[in-house]
PDB file of N, CA and C in Angstrom:
ATOM      1  N   UNK A   1      -9.541  -6.316 -10.988  1.00  0.00           N
ATOM      2  CA  UNK A   1     -10.791  -6.377 -10.263  1.00  0.00           C
ATOM      3  C   UNK A   1     -11.511  -5.028 -10.305  1.00  0.00           C
ATOM      4  N   UNK A   2     -10.729  -3.941 -10.217  1.00  0.00           N
ATOM      5  CA  UNK A   2     -11.342  -2.615 -10.243  1.00  0.00           C
ATOM      6  C   UNK A   2     -12.066  -2.378 -11.561  1.00  0.00           C
ATOM      7  N   UNK A   3     -11.415  -2.720 -12.691  1.00  0.00           N
ATOM      8  CA  UNK A   3     -12.045  -2.499 -13.990  1.00  0.00           C
ATOM      9  C   UNK A   3     -13.310  -3.337 -14.139  1.00  0.00           C
ATOM     10  N   UNK A   4     -13.302  -4.539 -13.624  1.00  0.00           N
ATOM     11  CA  UNK A   4     -14.494  -5.383 -13.681  1.00  0.00           C
ATOM     12  C   UNK A   4     -15.623  -4.760 -12.866  1.00  0.00           C
ATOM     13  N   UNK A   5     -15.307  -4.274 -11.682  1.00  0.00           N
ATOM     14  CA  UNK A   5     -16.300  -3.633 -10.829  1.00  0.00           C
ATOM     15  C   UNK A   5     -16.858  -2.383 -11.516  1.00  0.00           C
ATOM     16  N   UNK A   6     -15.969  -1.584 -12.107  1.00  0.00           N
ATOM     17  CA  UNK A   6     -16.412  -0.378 -12.804  1.00  0.00           C
ATOM     18  C   UNK A   6     -17.323  -0.707 -13.979  1.00  0.00           C
ATOM     19  N   UNK A   7     -16.968  -1.749 -14.722  1.00  0.00           N
ATOM     20  CA  UNK A   7     -17.790  -2.152 -15.864  1.00  0.00           C
ATOM     21  C   UNK A   7     -19.193  -2.545 -15.389  1.00  0.00           C
ATOM     22  N   UNK A   8     -19.266  -3.239 -14.275  1.00  0.00           N
ATOM     23  CA  UNK A   8     -20.557  -3.678 -13.752  1.00  0.00           C
ATOM     24  C   UNK A   8     -21.385  -2.525 -13.196  1.00  0.00           C
ATOM     25  N   UNK A   9     -20.712  -1.441 -12.771  1.00  0.00           N
ATOM     26  CA  UNK A   9     -21.415  -0.348 -12.098  1.00  0.00           C
ATOM     27  C   UNK A   9     -21.409   0.970 -12.868  1.00  0.00           C
ATOM     28  N   UNK A  10     -20.907   0.993 -14.079  1.00  0.00           N
ATOM     29  CA  UNK A  10     -20.772   2.233 -14.848  1.00  0.00           C
ATOM     30  C   UNK A  10     -22.098   2.949 -15.057  1.00  0.00           C
ATOM     31  N   UNK A  11     -23.182   2.217 -15.138  1.00  0.00           N
ATOM     32  CA  UNK A  11     -24.499   2.844 -15.351  1.00  0.00           C
ATOM     33  C   UNK A  11     -25.160   3.308 -14.059  1.00  0.00           C
ATOM     34  N   UNK A  12     -24.538   3.045 -12.929  1.00  0.00           N
ATOM     35  CA  UNK A  12     -25.078   3.448 -11.631  1.00  0.00           C
ATOM     36  C   UNK A  12     -24.621   4.877 -11.347  1.00  0.00           C
ATOM     37  N   UNK A  13     -25.404   5.845 -11.805  1.00  0.00           N
ATOM     38  CA  UNK A  13     -24.996   7.249 -11.688  1.00  0.00           C
ATOM     39  C   UNK A  13     -24.883   7.702 -10.231  1.00  0.00           C
ATOM     40  N   UNK A  14     -25.706   7.146  -9.345  1.00  0.00           N
ATOM     41  CA  UNK A  14     -25.603   7.514  -7.931  1.00  0.00           C
ATOM     42  C   UNK A  14     -24.243   7.088  -7.376  1.00  0.00           C
ATOM     43  N   UNK A  15     -23.815   5.901  -7.700  1.00  0.00           N
ATOM     44  CA  UNK A  15     -22.521   5.409  -7.242  1.00  0.00           C
ATOM     45  C   UNK A  15     -21.377   6.197  -7.875  1.00  0.00           C
ATOM     46  N   UNK A  16     -21.429   6.412  -9.179  1.00  0.00           N
ATOM     47  CA  UNK A  16     -20.361   7.135  -9.870  1.00  0.00           C
ATOM     48  C   UNK A  16     -20.253   8.580  -9.386  1.00  0.00           C
ATOM     49  N   UNK A  17     -21.369   9.151  -8.924  1.00  0.00           N
ATOM     50  CA  UNK A  17     -21.339  10.539  -8.447  1.00  0.00           C
ATOM     51  C   UNK A  17     -20.632  10.670  -7.109  1.00  0.00           C
ATOM     52  N   UNK A  18     -20.304   9.550  -6.474  1.00  0.00           N
ATOM     53  CA  UNK A  18     -19.593   9.592  -5.189  1.00  0.00           C
ATOM     54  C   UNK A  18     -18.102   9.311  -5.328  1.00  0.00           C
ATOM     55  N   UNK A  19     -17.632   9.133  -6.552  1.00  0.00           N
ATOM     56  CA  UNK A  19     -16.218   8.839  -6.795  1.00  0.00           C
ATOM     57  C   UNK A  19     -15.532  10.085  -7.330  1.00  0.00           C
ATOM     58  N   UNK A  20     -14.388  10.391  -6.748  1.00  0.00           N
ATOM     59  CA  UNK A  20     -13.558  11.504  -7.195  1.00  0.00           C
ATOM     60  C   UNK A  20     -12.222  10.946  -7.655  1.00  0.00           C
ATOM     61  N   UNK A  21     -11.587  11.644  -8.607  1.00  0.00           N
ATOM     62  CA  UNK A  21     -10.352  11.162  -9.196  1.00  0.00           C
ATOM     63  C   UNK A  21      -9.364  12.305  -9.328  1.00  0.00           C
ATOM     64  N   UNK A  22      -8.151  12.079  -8.842  1.00  0.00           N
ATOM     65  CA  UNK A  22      -7.086  13.058  -8.997  1.00  0.00           C
ATOM     66  C   UNK A  22      -5.841  12.383  -9.540  1.00  0.00           C
ATOM     67  N   UNK A  23      -5.176  13.048 -10.505  1.00  0.00           N
ATOM     68  CA  UNK A  23      -3.957  12.455 -11.068  1.00  0.00           C
ATOM     69  C   UNK A  23      -3.140  13.496 -11.805  1.00  0.00           C
ATOM     70  N   UNK A  24      -1.906  13.135 -12.091  1.00  0.00           N
ATOM     71  CA  UNK A  24      -1.005  13.997 -12.837  1.00  0.00           C
ATOM     72  C   UNK A  24      -1.074  13.695 -14.321  1.00  0.00           C
ATOM     73  N   UNK A  25      -1.040  14.733 -15.124  1.00  0.00           N
ATOM     74  CA  UNK A  25      -1.169  14.546 -16.571  1.00  0.00           C
ATOM     75  C   UNK A  25       0.040  13.848 -17.187  1.00  0.00           C
ATOM     76  N   UNK A  26       1.175  13.867 -16.505  1.00  0.00           N
ATOM     77  CA  UNK A  26       2.363  13.175 -17.008  1.00  0.00           C
ATOM     78  C   UNK A  26       2.556  11.802 -16.351  1.00  0.00           C
ATOM     79  N   UNK A  27       1.583  11.370 -15.577  1.00  0.00           N
ATOM     80  CA  UNK A  27       1.636  10.061 -14.930  1.00  0.00           C
ATOM     81  C   UNK A  27       1.671   8.974 -16.001  1.00  0.00           C
ATOM     82  N   UNK A  28       2.508   7.981 -15.823  1.00  0.00           N
ATOM     83  CA  UNK A  28       2.573   6.899 -16.812  1.00  0.00           C
ATOM     84  C   UNK A  28       1.261   6.117 -16.880  1.00  0.00           C
ATOM     85  N   UNK A  29       0.439   6.231 -15.854  1.00  0.00           N
ATOM     86  CA  UNK A  29      -0.859   5.567 -15.835  1.00  0.00           C
ATOM     87  C   UNK A  29      -1.979   6.450 -16.391  1.00  0.00           C
ATOM     88  N   UNK A  30      -1.649   7.674 -16.817  1.00  0.00           N
ATOM     89  CA  UNK A  30      -2.675   8.632 -17.268  1.00  0.00           C
ATOM     90  C   UNK A  30      -3.594   8.082 -18.361  1.00  0.00           C
ATOM     91  N   UNK A  31      -3.095   7.330 -19.348  1.00  0.00           N
ATOM     92  CA  UNK A  31      -4.025   6.794 -20.354  1.00  0.00           C
ATOM     93  C   UNK A  31      -5.101   5.878 -19.749  1.00  0.00           C
ATOM     94  N   UNK A  32      -4.713   5.032 -18.833  1.00  0.00           N
ATOM     95  CA  UNK A  32      -5.696   4.149 -18.182  1.00  0.00           C
ATOM     96  C   UNK A  32      -6.603   4.944 -17.251  1.00  0.00           C
ATOM     97  N   UNK A  33      -6.040   5.913 -16.563  1.00  0.00           N
ATOM     98  CA  UNK A  33      -6.840   6.757 -15.674  1.00  0.00           C
ATOM     99  C   UNK A  33      -7.878   7.527 -16.484  1.00  0.00           C
ATOM    100  N   UNK A  34      -7.507   7.913 -17.692  1.00  0.00           N
ATOM    101  CA  UNK A  34      -8.441   8.612 -18.565  1.00  0.00           C
ATOM    102  C   UNK A  34      -9.688   7.801 -18.863  1.00  0.00           C
ATOM    103  N   UNK A  35      -9.538   6.488 -18.938  1.00  0.00           N
ATOM    104  CA  UNK A  35     -10.713   5.627 -19.149  1.00  0.00           C
ATOM    105  C   UNK A  35     -11.686   5.745 -17.986  1.00  0.00           C
ATOM    106  N   UNK A  36     -11.165   5.809 -16.770  1.00  0.00           N
ATOM    107  CA  UNK A  36     -12.021   5.982 -15.599  1.00  0.00           C
ATOM    108  C   UNK A  36     -12.659   7.360 -15.606  1.00  0.00           C
ATOM    109  N   UNK A  37     -11.911   8.371 -16.000  1.00  0.00           N
ATOM    110  CA  UNK A  37     -12.464   9.727 -15.979  1.00  0.00           C
ATOM    111  C   UNK A  37     -13.651   9.875 -16.930  1.00  0.00           C
ATOM    112  N   UNK A  38     -13.715   9.041 -17.956  1.00  0.00           N
ATOM    113  CA  UNK A  38     -14.856   9.076 -18.877  1.00  0.00           C
ATOM    114  C   UNK A  38     -16.160   8.667 -18.188  1.00  0.00           C
ATOM    115  N   UNK A  39     -16.069   7.951 -17.086  1.00  0.00           N
ATOM    116  CA  UNK A  39     -17.263   7.475 -16.383  1.00  0.00           C
ATOM    117  C   UNK A  39     -17.752   8.443 -15.305  1.00  0.00           C
ATOM    118  N   UNK A  40     -16.922   9.420 -14.960  1.00  0.00           N
ATOM    119  CA  UNK A  40     -17.230  10.283 -13.824  1.00  0.00           C
ATOM    120  C   UNK A  40     -17.697  11.665 -14.265  1.00  0.00           C
ATOM    121  N   UNK A  41     -18.446  12.342 -13.387  1.00  0.00           N
ATOM    122  CA  UNK A  41     -18.805  13.730 -13.683  1.00  0.00           C
ATOM    123  C   UNK A  41     -17.526  14.560 -13.811  1.00  0.00           C
ATOM    124  N   UNK A  42     -17.489  15.493 -14.744  1.00  0.00           N
ATOM    125  CA  UNK A  42     -16.271  16.253 -15.005  1.00  0.00           C
ATOM    126  C   UNK A  42     -15.797  17.060 -13.794  1.00  0.00           C
ATOM    127  N   UNK A  43     -16.729  17.487 -12.938  1.00  0.00           N
ATOM    128  CA  UNK A  43     -16.314  18.247 -11.758  1.00  0.00           C
ATOM    129  C   UNK A  43     -15.795  17.358 -10.637  1.00  0.00           C
ATOM    130  N   UNK A  44     -15.684  16.065 -10.890  1.00  0.00           N
ATOM    131  CA  UNK A  44     -15.127  15.124  -9.918  1.00  0.00           C
ATOM    132  C   UNK A  44     -13.717  14.684 -10.307  1.00  0.00           C
ATOM    133  N   UNK A  45     -13.153  15.336 -11.315  1.00  0.00           N
ATOM    134  CA  UNK A  45     -11.834  14.966 -11.816  1.00  0.00           C
ATOM    135  C   UNK A  45     -10.870  16.126 -11.569  1.00  0.00           C
ATOM    136  N   UNK A  46      -9.745  15.809 -10.941  1.00  0.00           N
ATOM    137  CA  UNK A  46      -8.755  16.821 -10.584  1.00  0.00           C
ATOM    138  C   UNK A  46      -7.425  16.461 -11.228  1.00  0.00           C
ATOM    139  N   UNK A  47      -7.165  17.090 -12.365  1.00  0.00           N
ATOM    140  CA  UNK A  47      -5.912  16.863 -13.101  1.00  0.00           C
ATOM    141  C   UNK A  47      -4.939  17.970 -12.737  1.00  0.00           C
ATOM    142  N   UNK A  48      -3.681  17.600 -12.637  1.00  0.00           N
ATOM    143  CA  UNK A  48      -2.634  18.570 -12.384  1.00  0.00           C
ATOM    144  C   UNK A  48      -1.382  18.132 -13.128  1.00  0.00           C
ATOM    145  N   UNK A  49      -0.453  19.041 -13.286  1.00  0.00           N
ATOM    146  CA  UNK A  49       0.799  18.662 -13.937  1.00  0.00           C
ATOM    147  C   UNK A  49       1.597  17.750 -13.014  1.00  0.00           C
ATOM    148  N   UNK A  50       2.394  16.893 -13.612  1.00  0.00           N
ATOM    149  CA  UNK A  50       3.260  16.031 -12.819  1.00  0.00           C
ATOM    150  C   UNK A  50       3.047  14.569 -13.127  1.00  0.00           C
ATOM    151  N   UNK A  51       3.953  13.785 -12.608  1.00  0.00           N
ATOM    152  CA  UNK A  51       3.921  12.344 -12.819  1.00  0.00           C
ATOM    153  C   UNK A  51       3.322  11.605 -11.643  1.00  0.00           C
ATOM    154  N   UNK A  52       3.696  10.353 -11.505  1.00  0.00           N
ATOM    155  CA  UNK A  52       3.179   9.481 -10.444  1.00  0.00           C
ATOM    156  C   UNK A  52       4.063   9.653  -9.211  1.00  0.00           C
ATOM    157  N   UNK A  53       3.897  10.811  -8.550  1.00  0.00           N
ATOM    158  CA  UNK A  53       4.745  11.158  -7.406  1.00  0.00           C
ATOM    159  C   UNK A  53       3.889  11.690  -6.255  1.00  0.00           C
ATOM    160  N   UNK A  54       4.423  11.641  -5.041  1.00  0.00           N
ATOM    161  CA  UNK A  54       3.692  12.222  -3.913  1.00  0.00           C
ATOM    162  C   UNK A  54       3.413  13.717  -4.103  1.00  0.00           C
ATOM    163  N   UNK A  55       4.354  14.453  -4.698  1.00  0.00           N
ATOM    164  CA  UNK A  55       4.155  15.890  -4.924  1.00  0.00           C
ATOM    165  C   UNK A  55       2.939  16.141  -5.816  1.00  0.00           C
ATOM    166  N   UNK A  56       2.807  15.352  -6.874  1.00  0.00           N
ATOM    167  CA  UNK A  56       1.672  15.490  -7.783  1.00  0.00           C
ATOM    168  C   UNK A  56       0.371  15.127  -7.076  1.00  0.00           C
ATOM    169  N   UNK A  57       0.396  14.048  -6.315  1.00  0.00           N
ATOM    170  CA  UNK A  57      -0.820  13.640  -5.603  1.00  0.00           C
ATOM    171  C   UNK A  57      -1.237  14.700  -4.588  1.00  0.00           C
ATOM    172  N   UNK A  58      -0.251  15.345  -3.966  1.00  0.00           N
ATOM    173  CA  UNK A  58      -0.578  16.414  -3.022  1.00  0.00           C
ATOM    174  C   UNK A  58      -1.260  17.572  -3.743  1.00  0.00           C
ATOM    175  N   UNK A  59      -0.756  17.923  -4.938  1.00  0.00           N
ATOM    176  CA  UNK A  59      -1.387  19.005  -5.707  1.00  0.00           C
ATOM    177  C   UNK A  59      -2.829  18.633  -6.072  1.00  0.00           C
ATOM    178  N   UNK A  60      -3.052  17.400  -6.491  1.00  0.00           N
ATOM    179  CA  UNK A  60      -4.412  16.956  -6.831  1.00  0.00           C
ATOM    180  C   UNK A  60      -5.302  16.975  -5.586  1.00  0.00           C
ATOM    181  N   UNK A  61      -4.760  16.547  -4.465  1.00  0.00           N
ATOM    182  CA  UNK A  61      -5.515  16.537  -3.198  1.00  0.00           C
ATOM    183  C   UNK A  61      -5.908  17.956  -2.805  1.00  0.00           C
ATOM    184  N   UNK A  62      -5.003  18.917  -2.963  1.00  0.00           N
ATOM    185  CA  UNK A  62      -5.321  20.308  -2.633  1.00  0.00           C
ATOM    186  C   UNK A  62      -6.390  20.874  -3.550  1.00  0.00           C
ATOM    187  N   UNK A  63      -6.372  20.503  -4.827  1.00  0.00           N
ATOM    188  CA  UNK A  63      -7.446  20.910  -5.737  1.00  0.00           C
ATOM    189  C   UNK A  63      -8.787  20.358  -5.257  1.00  0.00           C
ATOM    190  N   UNK A  64      -8.784  19.107  -4.828  1.00  0.00           N
ATOM    191  CA  UNK A  64      -9.986  18.469  -4.301  1.00  0.00           C
ATOM    192  C   UNK A  64     -10.492  19.221  -3.064  1.00  0.00           C
ATOM    193  N   UNK A  65      -9.584  19.541  -2.155  1.00  0.00           N
ATOM    194  CA  UNK A  65      -9.984  20.228  -0.919  1.00  0.00           C
ATOM    195  C   UNK A  65     -10.490  21.641  -1.164  1.00  0.00           C
ATOM    196  N   UNK A  66     -10.038  22.269  -2.245  1.00  0.00           N
ATOM    197  CA  UNK A  66     -10.490  23.621  -2.577  1.00  0.00           C
ATOM    198  C   UNK A  66     -11.886  23.643  -3.187  1.00  0.00           C
ATOM    199  N   UNK A  67     -12.415  22.502  -3.520  1.00  0.00           N
ATOM    200  CA  UNK A  67     -13.729  22.438  -4.144  1.00  0.00           C
ATOM    201  C   UNK A  67     -14.779  23.001  -3.182  1.00  0.00           C
ATOM    202  N   UNK A  68     -15.529  23.979  -3.642  1.00  0.00           N
ATOM    203  CA  UNK A  68     -16.480  24.681  -2.782  1.00  0.00           C
ATOM    204  C   UNK A  68     -17.529  23.790  -2.166  1.00  0.00           C
ATOM    205  N   UNK A  69     -17.980  22.773  -2.888  1.00  0.00           N
ATOM    206  CA  UNK A  69     -19.027  21.893  -2.366  1.00  0.00           C
ATOM    207  C   UNK A  69     -18.577  21.137  -1.125  1.00  0.00           C
ATOM    208  N   UNK A  70     -17.286  21.010  -0.949  1.00  0.00           N
ATOM    209  CA  UNK A  70     -16.762  20.243   0.179  1.00  0.00           C
ATOM    210  C   UNK A  70     -16.630  21.091   1.434  1.00  0.00           C
ATOM    211  N   UNK A  71     -16.643  22.414   1.277  1.00  0.00           N
ATOM    212  CA  UNK A  71     -16.438  23.306   2.429  1.00  0.00           C
ATOM    213  C   UNK A  71     -17.698  23.502   3.222  1.00  0.00           C
TER     214      UNK A  71
END
């Protein structure tokens, strides 16, 4: 359902500019996540080392929180 929604809304730049993505580069889902990252502004993507684990997600979350625009 998510991919269908994204396909329908990929040209909606206002909507895509409100989506942020964080993931680990060794995540088994990284290839599919990469497809989503192609639709988003590059400064909305937070990649970090690690797999599909809470530790990796925490690192991505901290990168997101460090973003100056959010402070």
